[in-house]
Amino acid sequence: MAFKSLLDPTFTYRNSANTDVRLTFERVRREQQIEAQRERAREAGKVVAIIGNGVSPAAPARKGARH
């Protein structure tokens, strides 16, 4: 999320008496949820290869084993 500069002509100052913090937090949560959904959608398109069985590590080589 980008912040507006004070020099941006579309920036409008709002003093604390006219700010509803609850609404601001609700808006930010919505924006974060939307971004998280977009990230999950991007990740869903990726292919991940898992090497190994994920349960136990590879067994170490035995001493004296022939190759």
PDB file of N, CA and C in Angstrom:
ATOM      1  N   MET A   1       0.845  -1.164   0.000  1.00  0.00           N
ATOM      2  CA  MET A   1       0.000   0.000   0.000  1.00  0.00           C
ATOM      3  C   MET A   1       0.892   1.229   0.000  1.00  0.00           C
ATOM      4  N   ALA A   2       0.688   2.102  -0.922  1.00  0.00           N
ATOM      5  CA  ALA A   2       1.488   3.313  -1.042  1.00  0.00           C
ATOM      6  C   ALA A   2       0.806   4.451  -0.277  1.00  0.00           C
ATOM      7  N   PHE A   3       1.627   5.308   0.273  1.00  0.00           N
ATOM      8  CA  PHE A   3       1.102   6.454   0.992  1.00  0.00           C
ATOM      9  C   PHE A   3       1.153   7.674   0.092  1.00  0.00           C
ATOM     10  N   LYS A   4       0.169   8.537   0.254  1.00  0.00           N
ATOM     11  CA  LYS A   4       0.136   9.754  -0.537  1.00  0.00           C
ATOM     12  C   LYS A   4       1.099  10.764   0.073  1.00  0.00           C
ATOM     13  N   SER A   5       1.729  11.500  -0.772  1.00  0.00           N
ATOM     14  CA  SER A   5       2.622  12.572  -0.353  1.00  0.00           C
ATOM     15  C   SER A   5       1.785  13.784   0.031  1.00  0.00           C
ATOM     16  N   LEU A   6       2.319  14.591   0.914  1.00  0.00           N
ATOM     17  CA  LEU A   6       1.655  15.858   1.239  1.00  0.00           C
ATOM     18  C   LEU A   6       1.579  16.766   0.028  1.00  0.00           C
ATOM     19  N   LEU A   7       2.466  16.534  -0.921  1.00  0.00           N
ATOM     20  CA  LEU A   7       2.495  17.357  -2.129  1.00  0.00           C
ATOM     21  C   LEU A   7       1.535  16.857  -3.205  1.00  0.00           C
ATOM     22  N   ASP A   8       0.965  15.670  -2.995  1.00  0.00           N
ATOM     23  CA  ASP A   8       0.014  15.107  -3.949  1.00  0.00           C
ATOM     24  C   ASP A   8      -1.263  15.942  -3.930  1.00  0.00           C
ATOM     25  N   PRO A   9      -1.718  16.434  -5.075  1.00  0.00           N
ATOM     26  CA  PRO A   9      -2.921  17.279  -5.099  1.00  0.00           C
ATOM     27  C   PRO A   9      -4.187  16.554  -4.630  1.00  0.00           C
ATOM     28  N   THR A  10      -4.192  15.218  -4.667  1.00  0.00           N
ATOM     29  CA  THR A  10      -5.381  14.487  -4.216  1.00  0.00           C
ATOM     30  C   THR A  10      -5.355  14.217  -2.714  1.00  0.00           C
ATOM     31  N   PHE A  11      -4.253  14.589  -2.047  1.00  0.00           N
ATOM     32  CA  PHE A  11      -4.155  14.392  -0.605  1.00  0.00           C
ATOM     33  C   PHE A  11      -5.098  15.354   0.107  1.00  0.00           C
ATOM     34  N   THR A  12      -5.868  14.818   1.052  1.00  0.00           N
ATOM     35  CA  THR A  12      -6.769  15.645   1.844  1.00  0.00           C
ATOM     36  C   THR A  12      -6.447  15.439   3.312  1.00  0.00           C
ATOM     37  N   TYR A  13      -6.141  16.528   4.005  1.00  0.00           N
ATOM     38  CA  TYR A  13      -5.831  16.441   5.428  1.00  0.00           C
ATOM     39  C   TYR A  13      -7.107  16.191   6.210  1.00  0.00           C
ATOM     40  N   ARG A  14      -7.029  15.299   7.176  1.00  0.00           N
ATOM     41  CA  ARG A  14      -8.163  15.014   8.047  1.00  0.00           C
ATOM     42  C   ARG A  14      -7.630  15.003   9.470  1.00  0.00           C
ATOM     43  N   ASN A  15      -8.135  15.883  10.316  1.00  0.00           N
ATOM     44  CA  ASN A  15      -7.630  15.935  11.685  1.00  0.00           C
ATOM     45  C   ASN A  15      -8.169  14.757  12.505  1.00  0.00           C
ATOM     46  N   SER A  16      -7.571  14.525  13.649  1.00  0.00           N
ATOM     47  CA  SER A  16      -7.910  13.348  14.452  1.00  0.00           C
ATOM     48  C   SER A  16      -9.346  13.365  14.950  1.00  0.00           C
ATOM     49  N   ALA A  17      -9.916  14.520  15.127  1.00  0.00           N
ATOM     50  CA  ALA A  17     -11.306  14.607  15.584  1.00  0.00           C
ATOM     51  C   ALA A  17     -12.275  14.086  14.528  1.00  0.00           C
ATOM     52  N   ASN A  18     -11.846  14.120  13.270  1.00  0.00           N
ATOM     53  CA  ASN A  18     -12.704  13.657  12.173  1.00  0.00           C
ATOM     54  C   ASN A  18     -12.253  12.314  11.613  1.00  0.00           C
ATOM     55  N   THR A  19     -11.483  11.583  12.380  1.00  0.00           N
ATOM     56  CA  THR A  19     -10.990  10.286  11.938  1.00  0.00           C
ATOM     57  C   THR A  19     -11.636   9.185  12.768  1.00  0.00           C
ATOM     58  N   ASP A  20     -12.197   8.196  12.116  1.00  0.00           N
ATOM     59  CA  ASP A  20     -12.760   7.038  12.809  1.00  0.00           C
ATOM     60  C   ASP A  20     -11.754   5.899  12.673  1.00  0.00           C
ATOM     61  N   VAL A  21     -11.000   5.659  13.728  1.00  0.00           N
ATOM     62  CA  VAL A  21      -9.933   4.663  13.703  1.00  0.00           C
ATOM     63  C   VAL A  21     -10.503   3.269  13.429  1.00  0.00           C
ATOM     64  N   ARG A  22     -11.668   2.981  13.954  1.00  0.00           N
ATOM     65  CA  ARG A  22     -12.284   1.669  13.738  1.00  0.00           C
ATOM     66  C   ARG A  22     -12.500   1.414  12.255  1.00  0.00           C
ATOM     67  N   LEU A  23     -13.005   2.416  11.557  1.00  0.00           N
ATOM     68  CA  LEU A  23     -13.229   2.262  10.119  1.00  0.00           C
ATOM     69  C   LEU A  23     -11.914   2.131   9.364  1.00  0.00           C
ATOM     70  N   THR A  24     -10.908   2.854   9.819  1.00  0.00           N
ATOM     71  CA  THR A  24      -9.599   2.758   9.177  1.00  0.00           C
ATOM     72  C   THR A  24      -9.038   1.353   9.310  1.00  0.00           C
ATOM     73  N   PHE A  25      -9.113   0.767  10.511  1.00  0.00           N
ATOM     74  CA  PHE A  25      -8.619  -0.592  10.715  1.00  0.00           C
ATOM     75  C   PHE A  25      -9.415  -1.604   9.905  1.00  0.00           C
ATOM     76  N   GLU A  26     -10.731  -1.427   9.815  1.00  0.00           N
ATOM     77  CA  GLU A  26     -11.551  -2.331   9.004  1.00  0.00           C
ATOM     78  C   GLU A  26     -11.120  -2.275   7.540  1.00  0.00           C
ATOM     79  N   ARG A  27     -10.867  -1.063   7.038  1.00  0.00           N
ATOM     80  CA  ARG A  27     -10.440  -0.906   5.649  1.00  0.00           C
ATOM     81  C   ARG A  27      -9.093  -1.575   5.416  1.00  0.00           C
ATOM     82  N   VAL A  28      -8.163  -1.384   6.326  1.00  0.00           N
ATOM     83  CA  VAL A  28      -6.839  -1.987   6.184  1.00  0.00           C
ATOM     84  C   VAL A  28      -6.934  -3.503   6.228  1.00  0.00           C
ATOM     85  N   ARG A  29      -7.759  -4.049   7.122  1.00  0.00           N
ATOM     86  CA  ARG A  29      -7.937  -5.515   7.175  1.00  0.00           C
ATOM     87  C   ARG A  29      -8.494  -6.047   5.865  1.00  0.00           C
ATOM     88  N   ARG A  30      -9.479  -5.338   5.298  1.00  0.00           N
ATOM     89  CA  ARG A  30     -10.036  -5.757   4.003  1.00  0.00           C
ATOM     90  C   ARG A  30      -8.956  -5.751   2.929  1.00  0.00           C
ATOM     91  N   GLU A  31      -8.156  -4.688   2.898  1.00  0.00           N
ATOM     92  CA  GLU A  31      -7.092  -4.604   1.903  1.00  0.00           C
ATOM     93  C   GLU A  31      -6.078  -5.724   2.086  1.00  0.00           C
ATOM     94  N   GLN A  32      -5.753  -6.063   3.328  1.00  0.00           N
ATOM     95  CA  GLN A  32      -4.809  -7.147   3.595  1.00  0.00           C
ATOM     96  C   GLN A  32      -5.394  -8.494   3.174  1.00  0.00           C
ATOM     97  N   GLN A  33      -6.683  -8.703   3.418  1.00  0.00           N
ATOM     98  CA  GLN A  33      -7.324  -9.954   3.008  1.00  0.00           C
ATOM     99  C   GLN A  33      -7.316 -10.090   1.493  1.00  0.00           C
ATOM    100  N   ILE A  34      -7.590  -9.019   0.797  1.00  0.00           N
ATOM    101  CA  ILE A  34      -7.585  -9.058  -0.666  1.00  0.00           C
ATOM    102  C   ILE A  34      -6.187  -9.384  -1.172  1.00  0.00           C
ATOM    103  N   GLU A  35      -5.176  -8.744  -0.595  1.00  0.00           N
ATOM    104  CA  GLU A  35      -3.800  -9.010  -1.012  1.00  0.00           C
ATOM    105  C   GLU A  35      -3.407 -10.455  -0.705  1.00  0.00           C
ATOM    106  N   ALA A  36      -3.843 -10.991   0.448  1.00  0.00           N
ATOM    107  CA  ALA A  36      -3.542 -12.381   0.792  1.00  0.00           C
ATOM    108  C   ALA A  36      -4.207 -13.338  -0.206  1.00  0.00           C
ATOM    109  N   GLN A  37      -5.429 -13.030  -0.621  1.00  0.00           N
ATOM    110  CA  GLN A  37      -6.108 -13.856  -1.617  1.00  0.00           C
ATOM    111  C   GLN A  37      -5.361 -13.823  -2.944  1.00  0.00           C
ATOM    112  N   ARG A  38      -4.888 -12.659  -3.326  1.00  0.00           N
ATOM    113  CA  ARG A  38      -4.127 -12.544  -4.579  1.00  0.00           C
ATOM    114  C   ARG A  38      -2.829 -13.337  -4.487  1.00  0.00           C
ATOM    115  N   GLU A  39      -2.165 -13.274  -3.339  1.00  0.00           N
ATOM    116  CA  GLU A  39      -0.913 -14.010  -3.150  1.00  0.00           C
ATOM    117  C   GLU A  39      -1.162 -15.514  -3.226  1.00  0.00           C
ATOM    118  N   ARG A  40      -2.243 -15.991  -2.587  1.00  0.00           N
ATOM    119  CA  ARG A  40      -2.579 -17.427  -2.655  1.00  0.00           C
ATOM    120  C   ARG A  40      -2.869 -17.840  -4.089  1.00  0.00           C
ATOM    121  N   ALA A  41      -3.530 -16.972  -4.847  1.00  0.00           N
ATOM    122  CA  ALA A  41      -3.832 -17.282  -6.247  1.00  0.00           C
ATOM    123  C   ALA A  41      -2.545 -17.368  -7.059  1.00  0.00           C
ATOM    124  N   ARG A  42      -1.593 -16.470  -6.784  1.00  0.00           N
ATOM    125  CA  ARG A  42      -0.305 -16.530  -7.493  1.00  0.00           C
ATOM    126  C   ARG A  42       0.448 -17.801  -7.113  1.00  0.00           C
ATOM    127  N   GLU A  43       0.423 -18.158  -5.842  1.00  0.00           N
ATOM    128  CA  GLU A  43       1.133 -19.347  -5.376  1.00  0.00           C
ATOM    129  C   GLU A  43       0.492 -20.623  -5.918  1.00  0.00           C
ATOM    130  N   ALA A  44      -0.802 -20.611  -6.134  1.00  0.00           N
ATOM    131  CA  ALA A  44      -1.505 -21.806  -6.619  1.00  0.00           C
ATOM    132  C   ALA A  44      -1.033 -22.190  -8.009  1.00  0.00           C
ATOM    133  N   GLY A  45      -0.557 -21.238  -8.769  1.00  0.00           N
ATOM    134  CA  GLY A  45      -0.103 -21.516 -10.117  1.00  0.00           C
ATOM    135  C   GLY A  45       1.312 -22.055 -10.190  1.00  0.00           C
ATOM    136  N   LYS A  46       2.010 -22.093  -9.074  1.00  0.00           N
ATOM    137  CA  LYS A  46       3.392 -22.553  -9.072  1.00  0.00           C
ATOM    138  C   LYS A  46       3.455 -24.052  -8.816  1.00  0.00           C
ATOM    139  N   VAL A  47       4.474 -24.690  -9.350  1.00  0.00           N
ATOM    140  CA  VAL A  47       4.677 -26.117  -9.154  1.00  0.00           C
ATOM    141  C   VAL A  47       5.808 -26.283  -8.149  1.00  0.00           C
ATOM    142  N   VAL A  48       5.562 -27.118  -7.148  1.00  0.00           N
ATOM    143  CA  VAL A  48       6.566 -27.357  -6.118  1.00  0.00           C
ATOM    144  C   VAL A  48       6.911 -28.835  -6.133  1.00  0.00           C
ATOM    145  N   ALA A  49       8.201 -29.136  -6.209  1.00  0.00           N
ATOM    146  CA  ALA A  49       8.649 -30.526  -6.176  1.00  0.00           C
ATOM    147  C   ALA A  49       9.155 -30.835  -4.777  1.00  0.00           C
ATOM    148  N   ILE A  50       8.606 -31.870  -4.156  1.00  0.00           N
ATOM    149  CA  ILE A  50       9.049 -32.292  -2.835  1.00  0.00           C
ATOM    150  C   ILE A  50       9.890 -33.542  -3.011  1.00  0.00           C
ATOM    151  N   ILE A  51      11.133 -33.458  -2.561  1.00  0.00           N
ATOM    152  CA  ILE A  51      12.049 -34.582  -2.699  1.00  0.00           C
ATOM    153  C   ILE A  51      12.124 -35.290  -1.361  1.00  0.00           C
ATOM    154  N   GLY A  52      11.954 -36.595  -1.384  1.00  0.00           N
ATOM    155  CA  GLY A  52      11.952 -37.371  -0.143  1.00  0.00           C
ATOM    156  C   GLY A  52      10.521 -37.641   0.282  1.00  0.00           C
ATOM    157  N   ASN A  53      10.387 -38.453   1.331  1.00  0.00           N
ATOM    158  CA  ASN A  53       9.041 -38.804   1.759  1.00  0.00           C
ATOM    159  C   ASN A  53       8.494 -37.854   2.811  1.00  0.00           C
ATOM    160  N   GLY A  54       9.313 -36.943   3.317  1.00  0.00           N
ATOM    161  CA  GLY A  54       8.839 -35.963   4.280  1.00  0.00           C
ATOM    162  C   GLY A  54       8.621 -36.525   5.659  1.00  0.00           C
ATOM    163  N   VAL A  55       8.813 -37.840   5.839  1.00  0.00           N
ATOM    164  CA  VAL A  55       8.591 -38.454   7.140  1.00  0.00           C
ATOM    165  C   VAL A  55       9.911 -38.672   7.858  1.00  0.00           C
ATOM    166  N   SER A  56      10.870 -39.253   7.174  1.00  0.00           N
ATOM    167  CA  SER A  56      12.156 -39.524   7.804  1.00  0.00           C
ATOM    168  C   SER A  56      13.278 -39.105   6.862  1.00  0.00           C
ATOM    169  N   PRO A  57      14.409 -38.690   7.417  1.00  0.00           N
ATOM    170  CA  PRO A  57      15.521 -38.320   6.551  1.00  0.00           C
ATOM    171  C   PRO A  57      16.098 -39.545   5.862  1.00  0.00           C
ATOM    172  N   ALA A  58      16.881 -39.306   4.840  1.00  0.00           N
ATOM    173  CA  ALA A  58      17.512 -40.406   4.116  1.00  0.00           C
ATOM    174  C   ALA A  58      18.415 -41.192   5.073  1.00  0.00           C
ATOM    175  N   ALA A  59      18.435 -42.501   4.915  1.00  0.00           N
ATOM    176  CA  ALA A  59      19.253 -43.351   5.787  1.00  0.00           C
ATOM    177  C   ALA A  59      20.724 -43.138   5.467  1.00  0.00           C
ATOM    178  N   PRO A  60      21.564 -43.070   6.501  1.00  0.00           N
ATOM    179  CA  PRO A  60      22.999 -42.904   6.240  1.00  0.00           C
ATOM    180  C   PRO A  60      23.585 -44.179   5.639  1.00  0.00           C
ATOM    181  N   ALA A  61      24.649 -44.007   4.887  1.00  0.00           N
ATOM    182  CA  ALA A  61      25.312 -45.163   4.267  1.00  0.00           C
ATOM    183  C   ALA A  61      25.891 -46.060   5.362  1.00  0.00           C
ATOM    184  N   ARG A  62      25.799 -47.371   5.165  1.00  0.00           N
ATOM    185  CA  ARG A  62      26.359 -48.316   6.135  1.00  0.00           C
ATOM    186  C   ARG A  62      27.860 -48.404   5.951  1.00  0.00           C
ATOM    187  N   LYS A  63      28.527 -48.623   7.051  1.00  0.00           N
ATOM    188  CA  LYS A  63      29.989 -48.816   6.983  1.00  0.00           C
ATOM    189  C   LYS A  63      30.277 -50.116   6.268  1.00  0.00           C
ATOM    190  N   GLY A  64      31.255 -50.088   5.404  1.00  0.00           N
ATOM    191  CA  GLY A  64      31.671 -51.305   4.713  1.00  0.00           C
ATOM    192  C   GLY A  64      30.750 -51.709   3.570  1.00  0.00           C
ATOM    193  N   ALA A  65      29.778 -50.884   3.255  1.00  0.00           N
ATOM    194  CA  ALA A  65      28.869 -51.240   2.153  1.00  0.00           C
ATOM    195  C   ALA A  65      29.595 -51.088   0.835  1.00  0.00           C
ATOM    196  N   ARG A  66      29.344 -52.030  -0.065  1.00  0.00           N
ATOM    197  CA  ARG A  66      29.947 -51.957  -1.379  1.00  0.00           C
ATOM    198  C   ARG A  66      29.074 -51.166  -2.313  1.00  0.00           C
ATOM    199  N   HIS A  67      29.717 -50.484  -3.217  1.00  0.00           N
ATOM    200  CA  HIS A  67      28.977 -49.643  -4.177  1.00  0.00           C
ATOM    201  C   HIS A  67      28.804 -50.343  -5.447  1.00  0.00           C
TER     202      HIS A  67
END
